[in-house]
Amino acid sequence: MRSLMVNIDHVATLREARGIHYPEPVYAAGIAEMAGASGIIVHLREDRRHIKDRDVRLLREVVRTKLNLEMAATTEMVQIAAEIRPDMVTLVPEKRQELTTEGGLDVAGQSRKLKKVVESLRSAGIFVSLFIDPREEQLIASRAVQADMVEIHTGTYSDAANAKIKEEELKKVARSAVRAKELGLGVNAGHGLHYHNVQEVAAIREIDELSIGHAIIARAVFVGLDRAVRDMIVLIQ
């Protein structure tokens, strides 16, 4: 059965919009877990624009399902992860000027560096996932650097301008999920997924988990976080 990891970054985005102490991401994590989420995701960005170091430390203390720390493959972030020990890390590309992560990690082009980062994280007992575009060379490279899992970038599928492009992108995601399994990798998928496009991706049987954040937090404004999470779980299962 497909499971859902909930990204709570945008609870912190709302907090930082006023520079105050609420809403509390840790509180949101508890609600999401009680609603059935299989894990909680936060992205600790280098500029700390939303999630702060303090948030990650508190989440490590209270999350009872699985804490997935998204981060850039930098020395600073590897040190933080080794200290806090999230259940898993997802390595993502990061640009300071971007609103959200714009594409997958170029594992094939940075394999030497990424292999060292993966080794450091795994030696700390941390499960490692790589956020990649649905491309064969990135899957092969992910296996070569000894990642445990890949998260297939669904942003191009989600942002497709028409039905034809959407179908083509969905096929790429599906083929990549199959190939990842053949290579012995766990498979996650996420980015841009929402209540009206998630079911097609969730129907790909090779995908183990879906990572969704913005759509859930946006819906929570109107119906509450508990129901927003439960509604998404119904759709993906």
C-alpha atoms as a PDB file:
ATOM      1  CA  MET A   1       0.000   0.000   0.000  1.00  0.00           C
ATOM      2  CA  ARG A   2       1.351   3.399  -1.002  1.00  0.00           C
ATOM      3  CA  SER A   3       2.398   5.615   1.924  1.00  0.00           C
ATOM      4  CA  LEU A   4       2.590   9.384   2.323  1.00  0.00           C
ATOM      5  CA  MET A   5       5.376  11.503   3.742  1.00  0.00           C
ATOM      6  CA  VAL A   6       4.261  15.050   4.505  1.00  0.00           C
ATOM      7  CA  ASN A   7       6.555  18.025   3.949  1.00  0.00           C
ATOM      8  CA  ILE A   8       5.846  20.721   6.564  1.00  0.00           C
ATOM      9  CA  ASP A   9       8.232  23.405   5.251  1.00  0.00           C
ATOM     10  CA  HIS A  10       5.406  25.791   4.472  1.00  0.00           C
ATOM     11  CA  VAL A  11       4.177  25.835   8.045  1.00  0.00           C
ATOM     12  CA  ALA A  12       7.551  27.436   8.752  1.00  0.00           C
ATOM     13  CA  THR A  13       7.159  29.686   5.696  1.00  0.00           C
ATOM     14  CA  LEU A  14       3.994  31.111   7.259  1.00  0.00           C
ATOM     15  CA  ARG A  15       5.787  31.609  10.561  1.00  0.00           C
ATOM     16  CA  GLU A  16       8.720  33.379   8.934  1.00  0.00           C
ATOM     17  CA  ALA A  17       6.415  35.702   6.963  1.00  0.00           C
ATOM     18  CA  ARG A  18       5.877  37.573  10.233  1.00  0.00           C
ATOM     19  CA  GLY A  19       9.125  36.700  11.971  1.00  0.00           C
ATOM     20  CA  ILE A  20       7.289  35.311  14.988  1.00  0.00           C
ATOM     21  CA  HIS A  21       7.163  31.999  16.865  1.00  0.00           C
ATOM     22  CA  TYR A  22       4.036  30.461  15.344  1.00  0.00           C
ATOM     23  CA  PRO A  23       2.671  28.397  13.633  1.00  0.00           C
ATOM     24  CA  GLU A  24       4.846  25.633  15.048  1.00  0.00           C
ATOM     25  CA  PRO A  25       6.187  23.029  12.572  1.00  0.00           C
ATOM     26  CA  VAL A  26       6.599  20.477  15.361  1.00  0.00           C
ATOM     27  CA  TYR A  27       2.888  20.723  16.174  1.00  0.00           C
ATOM     28  CA  ALA A  28       2.067  20.215  12.490  1.00  0.00           C
ATOM     29  CA  ALA A  29       4.241  17.093  12.429  1.00  0.00           C
ATOM     30  CA  GLY A  30       2.252  15.568  15.284  1.00  0.00           C
ATOM     31  CA  ILE A  31      -1.065  16.227  13.569  1.00  0.00           C
ATOM     32  CA  ALA A  32       0.193  14.762  10.278  1.00  0.00           C
ATOM     33  CA  GLU A  33       1.448  11.630  11.999  1.00  0.00           C
ATOM     34  CA  MET A  34      -1.818  11.095  13.861  1.00  0.00           C
ATOM     35  CA  ALA A  35      -3.677  11.534  10.563  1.00  0.00           C
ATOM     36  CA  GLY A  36      -1.718   8.631   9.061  1.00  0.00           C
ATOM     37  CA  ALA A  37       1.437  10.100   7.501  1.00  0.00           C
ATOM     38  CA  SER A  38       4.272   7.577   7.237  1.00  0.00           C
ATOM     39  CA  GLY A  39       6.898  10.263   7.685  1.00  0.00           C
ATOM     40  CA  ILE A  40       7.679  13.956   8.072  1.00  0.00           C
ATOM     41  CA  ILE A  41       9.891  15.902   5.657  1.00  0.00           C
ATOM     42  CA  VAL A  42      11.694  19.198   6.184  1.00  0.00           C
ATOM     43  CA  HIS A  43      14.217  20.960   3.967  1.00  0.00           C
ATOM     44  CA  LEU A  44      16.945  22.724   5.906  1.00  0.00           C
ATOM     45  CA  ARG A  45      18.109  25.216   3.322  1.00  0.00           C
ATOM     46  CA  GLU A  46      21.491  26.870   3.449  1.00  0.00           C
ATOM     47  CA  ASP A  47      19.837  30.298   3.829  1.00  0.00           C
ATOM     48  CA  ARG A  48      17.434  28.978   6.532  1.00  0.00           C
ATOM     49  CA  ARG A  49      14.527  30.719   4.791  1.00  0.00           C
ATOM     50  CA  HIS A  50      11.879  28.608   6.531  1.00  0.00           C
ATOM     51  CA  ILE A  51      12.977  25.561   8.542  1.00  0.00           C
ATOM     52  CA  LYS A  52      15.613  26.370  11.183  1.00  0.00           C
ATOM     53  CA  ASP A  53      18.190  24.153  12.881  1.00  0.00           C
ATOM     54  CA  ARG A  54      16.095  24.336  16.039  1.00  0.00           C
ATOM     55  CA  ASP A  55      13.086  22.899  14.161  1.00  0.00           C
ATOM     56  CA  VAL A  56      15.058  19.880  12.978  1.00  0.00           C
ATOM     57  CA  ARG A  57      16.387  19.174  16.468  1.00  0.00           C
ATOM     58  CA  LEU A  58      12.922  19.353  17.987  1.00  0.00           C
ATOM     59  CA  LEU A  59      11.451  17.187  15.241  1.00  0.00           C
ATOM     60  CA  ARG A  60      14.115  14.552  15.876  1.00  0.00           C
ATOM     61  CA  GLU A  61      12.858  14.399  19.466  1.00  0.00           C
ATOM     62  CA  VAL A  62       9.147  14.134  18.689  1.00  0.00           C
ATOM     63  CA  VAL A  63       8.672  12.430  15.296  1.00  0.00           C
ATOM     64  CA  ARG A  64       7.668   8.821  15.849  1.00  0.00           C
ATOM     65  CA  THR A  65       7.276   7.674  12.243  1.00  0.00           C
ATOM     66  CA  LYS A  66      10.224   8.721  10.072  1.00  0.00           C
ATOM     67  CA  LEU A  67      12.080  12.022   9.814  1.00  0.00           C
ATOM     68  CA  ASN A  68      13.329  12.791   6.299  1.00  0.00           C
ATOM     69  CA  LEU A  69      15.786  15.696   6.129  1.00  0.00           C
ATOM     70  CA  GLU A  70      16.107  17.252   2.678  1.00  0.00           C
ATOM     71  CA  MET A  71      19.410  19.054   2.259  1.00  0.00           C
ATOM     72  CA  ALA A  72      22.155  20.110  -0.123  1.00  0.00           C
ATOM     73  CA  ALA A  73      25.268  17.929  -0.367  1.00  0.00           C
ATOM     74  CA  THR A  74      27.497  20.335   1.575  1.00  0.00           C
ATOM     75  CA  THR A  75      29.960  19.786   4.392  1.00  0.00           C
ATOM     76  CA  GLU A  76      27.846  21.881   6.754  1.00  0.00           C
ATOM     77  CA  MET A  77      24.695  19.892   6.080  1.00  0.00           C
ATOM     78  CA  VAL A  78      26.440  16.526   6.350  1.00  0.00           C
ATOM     79  CA  GLN A  79      27.771  17.570   9.760  1.00  0.00           C
ATOM     80  CA  ILE A  80      24.303  18.645  10.906  1.00  0.00           C
ATOM     81  CA  ALA A  81      22.754  15.388   9.702  1.00  0.00           C
ATOM     82  CA  ALA A  82      25.448  13.314  11.419  1.00  0.00           C
ATOM     83  CA  GLU A  83      24.761  15.148  14.679  1.00  0.00           C
ATOM     84  CA  ILE A  84      20.950  15.085  14.583  1.00  0.00           C
ATOM     85  CA  ARG A  85      20.594  11.636  12.981  1.00  0.00           C
ATOM     86  CA  PRO A  86      17.344  11.853  10.996  1.00  0.00           C
ATOM     87  CA  ASP A  87      15.992   8.497   9.862  1.00  0.00           C
ATOM     88  CA  MET A  88      16.802   9.426   6.290  1.00  0.00           C
ATOM     89  CA  VAL A  89      18.312  12.207   4.231  1.00  0.00           C
ATOM     90  CA  THR A  90      17.244  13.223   0.735  1.00  0.00           C
ATOM     91  CA  LEU A  91      19.992  15.055  -1.122  1.00  0.00           C
ATOM     92  CA  VAL A  92      18.622  17.793  -3.370  1.00  0.00           C
ATOM     93  CA  PRO A  93      20.090  20.522  -5.582  1.00  0.00           C
ATOM     94  CA  GLU A  94      19.764  23.979  -4.136  1.00  0.00           C
ATOM     95  CA  LYS A  95      19.882  27.504  -5.574  1.00  0.00           C
ATOM     96  CA  ARG A  96      19.476  30.512  -3.316  1.00  0.00           C
ATOM     97  CA  GLN A  97      17.280  32.412  -5.769  1.00  0.00           C
ATOM     98  CA  GLU A  98      14.781  29.616  -6.424  1.00  0.00           C
ATOM     99  CA  LEU A  99      11.325  29.580  -4.839  1.00  0.00           C
ATOM    100  CA  THR A 100      11.347  25.783  -4.626  1.00  0.00           C
ATOM    101  CA  THR A 101      13.642  23.021  -5.858  1.00  0.00           C
ATOM    102  CA  GLU A 102      13.625  23.348  -9.646  1.00  0.00           C
ATOM    103  CA  GLY A 103      14.922  19.978 -10.809  1.00  0.00           C
ATOM    104  CA  GLY A 104      16.746  16.812  -9.939  1.00  0.00           C
ATOM    105  CA  LEU A 105      20.267  16.336  -8.674  1.00  0.00           C
ATOM    106  CA  ASP A 106      22.888  15.726 -11.360  1.00  0.00           C
ATOM    107  CA  VAL A 107      24.228  12.545  -9.811  1.00  0.00           C
ATOM    108  CA  ALA A 108      25.942  11.450 -13.029  1.00  0.00           C
ATOM    109  CA  GLY A 109      27.852  14.733 -13.242  1.00  0.00           C
ATOM    110  CA  GLN A 110      28.823  14.866  -9.554  1.00  0.00           C
ATOM    111  CA  SER A 111      29.301  11.183  -8.789  1.00  0.00           C
ATOM    112  CA  ARG A 112      32.713  11.496  -7.111  1.00  0.00           C
ATOM    113  CA  LYS A 113      31.543  14.160  -4.681  1.00  0.00           C
ATOM    114  CA  LEU A 114      28.187  12.527  -4.034  1.00  0.00           C
ATOM    115  CA  LYS A 115      29.704   9.120  -3.369  1.00  0.00           C
ATOM    116  CA  LYS A 116      31.744  10.635  -0.524  1.00  0.00           C
ATOM    117  CA  VAL A 117      28.661  12.378   0.877  1.00  0.00           C
ATOM    118  CA  VAL A 118      26.589   9.195   0.684  1.00  0.00           C
ATOM    119  CA  GLU A 119      29.369   7.230   2.386  1.00  0.00           C
ATOM    120  CA  SER A 120      29.565   9.792   5.214  1.00  0.00           C
ATOM    121  CA  LEU A 121      25.828   9.725   5.799  1.00  0.00           C
ATOM    122  CA  ARG A 122      25.526   5.950   5.649  1.00  0.00           C
ATOM    123  CA  SER A 123      28.452   5.565   8.053  1.00  0.00           C
ATOM    124  CA  ALA A 124      26.409   7.677  10.486  1.00  0.00           C
ATOM    125  CA  GLY A 125      23.576   5.165  10.160  1.00  0.00           C
ATOM    126  CA  ILE A 126      21.424   7.383   7.946  1.00  0.00           C
ATOM    127  CA  PHE A 127      19.377   6.011   5.018  1.00  0.00           C
ATOM    128  CA  VAL A 128      20.149   8.066   1.883  1.00  0.00           C
ATOM    129  CA  SER A 129      17.831   9.059  -0.962  1.00  0.00           C
ATOM    130  CA  LEU A 130      18.713  11.151  -4.022  1.00  0.00           C
ATOM    131  CA  PHE A 131      16.222  13.516  -5.668  1.00  0.00           C
ATOM    132  CA  ILE A 132      16.623  12.919  -9.402  1.00  0.00           C
ATOM    133  CA  ASP A 133      14.938  13.573 -12.721  1.00  0.00           C
ATOM    134  CA  PRO A 134      13.396  10.465 -14.352  1.00  0.00           C
ATOM    135  CA  ARG A 135      16.411   9.665 -16.536  1.00  0.00           C
ATOM    136  CA  GLU A 136      18.307   6.412 -17.001  1.00  0.00           C
ATOM    137  CA  GLU A 137      21.769   7.880 -16.460  1.00  0.00           C
ATOM    138  CA  GLN A 138      20.751   9.399 -13.139  1.00  0.00           C
ATOM    139  CA  LEU A 139      19.350   6.096 -11.917  1.00  0.00           C
ATOM    140  CA  ILE A 140      22.508   4.207 -12.849  1.00  0.00           C
ATOM    141  CA  ALA A 141      24.646   6.868 -11.186  1.00  0.00           C
ATOM    142  CA  SER A 142      22.494   6.732  -8.043  1.00  0.00           C
ATOM    143  CA  ARG A 143      23.144   3.016  -7.770  1.00  0.00           C
ATOM    144  CA  ALA A 144      26.858   3.568  -8.405  1.00  0.00           C
ATOM    145  CA  VAL A 145      27.216   6.051  -5.528  1.00  0.00           C
ATOM    146  CA  GLN A 146      25.454   3.513  -3.276  1.00  0.00           C
ATOM    147  CA  ALA A 147      22.307   5.461  -2.444  1.00  0.00           C
ATOM    148  CA  ASP A 148      19.560   3.450  -0.788  1.00  0.00           C
ATOM    149  CA  MET A 149      16.690   5.138  -2.593  1.00  0.00           C
ATOM    150  CA  VAL A 150      15.767   7.687  -5.221  1.00  0.00           C
ATOM    151  CA  GLU A 151      13.000  10.249  -5.185  1.00  0.00           C
ATOM    152  CA  ILE A 152      11.780  10.736  -8.738  1.00  0.00           C
ATOM    153  CA  HIS A 153      11.114  14.372  -9.575  1.00  0.00           C
ATOM    154  CA  THR A 154       7.482  14.740 -10.687  1.00  0.00           C
ATOM    155  CA  GLY A 155       7.591  18.492 -11.231  1.00  0.00           C
ATOM    156  CA  THR A 156       7.646  18.340 -15.029  1.00  0.00           C
ATOM    157  CA  TYR A 157       4.664  15.974 -14.977  1.00  0.00           C
ATOM    158  CA  SER A 158       2.818  18.234 -12.531  1.00  0.00           C
ATOM    159  CA  ASP A 159       3.487  21.387 -14.555  1.00  0.00           C
ATOM    160  CA  ALA A 160       2.691  19.881 -17.975  1.00  0.00           C
ATOM    161  CA  ALA A 161       1.012  22.372 -20.300  1.00  0.00           C
ATOM    162  CA  ASN A 162      -1.356  19.850 -21.874  1.00  0.00           C
ATOM    163  CA  ALA A 163      -2.591  16.267 -21.600  1.00  0.00           C
ATOM    164  CA  LYS A 164      -0.142  14.893 -24.174  1.00  0.00           C
ATOM    165  CA  ILE A 165       2.912  16.236 -22.381  1.00  0.00           C
ATOM    166  CA  LYS A 166       1.500  15.106 -19.068  1.00  0.00           C
ATOM    167  CA  GLU A 167       1.085  11.550 -20.361  1.00  0.00           C
ATOM    168  CA  GLU A 168       4.627  11.521 -21.765  1.00  0.00           C
ATOM    169  CA  GLU A 169       6.056  12.704 -18.455  1.00  0.00           C
ATOM    170  CA  LEU A 170       4.002  10.157 -16.509  1.00  0.00           C
ATOM    171  CA  LYS A 171       5.483   7.393 -18.675  1.00  0.00           C
ATOM    172  CA  LYS A 172       8.989   8.663 -17.873  1.00  0.00           C
ATOM    173  CA  VAL A 173       8.222   8.506 -14.157  1.00  0.00           C
ATOM    174  CA  ALA A 174       6.790   4.995 -14.490  1.00  0.00           C
ATOM    175  CA  ARG A 175       9.742   3.699 -16.533  1.00  0.00           C
ATOM    176  CA  SER A 176      12.174   5.207 -14.041  1.00  0.00           C
ATOM    177  CA  ALA A 177      10.371   3.607 -11.116  1.00  0.00           C
ATOM    178  CA  VAL A 178      10.607   0.202 -12.793  1.00  0.00           C
ATOM    179  CA  ARG A 179      14.285   0.691 -13.619  1.00  0.00           C
ATOM    180  CA  ALA A 180      15.082   1.868 -10.081  1.00  0.00           C
ATOM    181  CA  LYS A 181      13.604  -1.325  -8.675  1.00  0.00           C
ATOM    182  CA  GLU A 182      15.634  -3.373 -11.155  1.00  0.00           C
ATOM    183  CA  LEU A 183      18.742  -1.629  -9.819  1.00  0.00           C
ATOM    184  CA  GLY A 184      17.794  -2.465  -6.245  1.00  0.00           C
ATOM    185  CA  LEU A 185      16.815   1.053  -5.216  1.00  0.00           C
ATOM    186  CA  GLY A 186      13.859   2.092  -3.110  1.00  0.00           C
ATOM    187  CA  VAL A 187      11.520   4.469  -4.953  1.00  0.00           C
ATOM    188  CA  ASN A 188       9.884   7.643  -3.749  1.00  0.00           C
ATOM    189  CA  ALA A 189       8.277  10.325  -5.924  1.00  0.00           C
ATOM    190  CA  GLY A 190       7.347  13.923  -5.374  1.00  0.00           C
ATOM    191  CA  HIS A 191       7.293  17.591  -6.320  1.00  0.00           C
ATOM    192  CA  GLY A 192       4.243  19.495  -7.507  1.00  0.00           C
ATOM    193  CA  LEU A 193       1.807  16.696  -6.709  1.00  0.00           C
ATOM    194  CA  HIS A 194      -1.663  17.765  -5.564  1.00  0.00           C
ATOM    195  CA  TYR A 195      -5.177  16.427  -5.075  1.00  0.00           C
ATOM    196  CA  HIS A 196      -6.020  16.482  -8.789  1.00  0.00           C
ATOM    197  CA  ASN A 197      -2.924  14.803 -10.243  1.00  0.00           C
ATOM    198  CA  VAL A 198      -1.622  12.438  -7.567  1.00  0.00           C
ATOM    199  CA  GLN A 199      -3.628   9.327  -8.387  1.00  0.00           C
ATOM    200  CA  GLU A 200      -1.919   8.649 -11.722  1.00  0.00           C
ATOM    201  CA  VAL A 201       1.475   8.650  -9.994  1.00  0.00           C
ATOM    202  CA  ALA A 202       0.200   6.677  -7.012  1.00  0.00           C
ATOM    203  CA  ALA A 203      -1.001   3.977  -9.418  1.00  0.00           C
ATOM    204  CA  ILE A 204       2.611   3.170 -10.373  1.00  0.00           C
ATOM    205  CA  ARG A 205       3.111   0.051  -8.281  1.00  0.00           C
ATOM    206  CA  GLU A 206       6.902   0.339  -8.044  1.00  0.00           C
ATOM    207  CA  ILE A 207       6.630   3.597  -6.087  1.00  0.00           C
ATOM    208  CA  ASP A 208       6.915   2.982  -2.352  1.00  0.00           C
ATOM    209  CA  GLU A 209       6.162   6.448  -0.997  1.00  0.00           C
ATOM    210  CA  LEU A 210       4.990   9.868  -2.136  1.00  0.00           C
ATOM    211  CA  SER A 211       6.385  13.125  -0.769  1.00  0.00           C
ATOM    212  CA  ILE A 212       3.852  15.969  -0.741  1.00  0.00           C
ATOM    213  CA  GLY A 213       3.874  19.279   1.067  1.00  0.00           C
ATOM    214  CA  HIS A 214       2.575  22.485  -0.472  1.00  0.00           C
ATOM    215  CA  ALA A 215      -0.768  21.085  -1.644  1.00  0.00           C
ATOM    216  CA  ILE A 216      -1.504  19.603   1.777  1.00  0.00           C
ATOM    217  CA  ILE A 217      -0.580  22.734   3.717  1.00  0.00           C
ATOM    218  CA  ALA A 218      -2.597  24.875   1.268  1.00  0.00           C
ATOM    219  CA  ARG A 219      -5.683  22.678   1.705  1.00  0.00           C
ATOM    220  CA  ALA A 220      -5.204  22.726   5.462  1.00  0.00           C
ATOM    221  CA  VAL A 221      -5.935  26.469   5.431  1.00  0.00           C
ATOM    222  CA  PHE A 222      -9.537  25.611   4.532  1.00  0.00           C
ATOM    223  CA  VAL A 223     -10.216  22.193   6.055  1.00  0.00           C
ATOM    224  CA  GLY A 224      -7.563  21.735   8.728  1.00  0.00           C
ATOM    225  CA  LEU A 225      -4.345  19.750   8.579  1.00  0.00           C
ATOM    226  CA  ASP A 226      -5.787  16.495   9.907  1.00  0.00           C
ATOM    227  CA  ARG A 227      -8.388  16.296   7.154  1.00  0.00           C
ATOM    228  CA  ALA A 228      -5.970  17.531   4.473  1.00  0.00           C
ATOM    229  CA  VAL A 229      -3.600  14.660   5.246  1.00  0.00           C
ATOM    230  CA  ARG A 230      -6.379  12.077   5.485  1.00  0.00           C
ATOM    231  CA  ASP A 231      -7.883  13.221   2.170  1.00  0.00           C
ATOM    232  CA  MET A 232      -4.529  12.806   0.422  1.00  0.00           C
ATOM    233  CA  ILE A 233      -4.017   9.342   1.904  1.00  0.00           C
ATOM    234  CA  VAL A 234      -7.430   8.265   0.591  1.00  0.00           C
ATOM    235  CA  LEU A 235      -6.458   9.411  -2.901  1.00  0.00           C
ATOM    236  CA  ILE A 236      -3.076   7.694  -3.014  1.00  0.00           C
ATOM    237  CA  GLN A 237      -4.332   4.405  -1.613  1.00  0.00           C
END
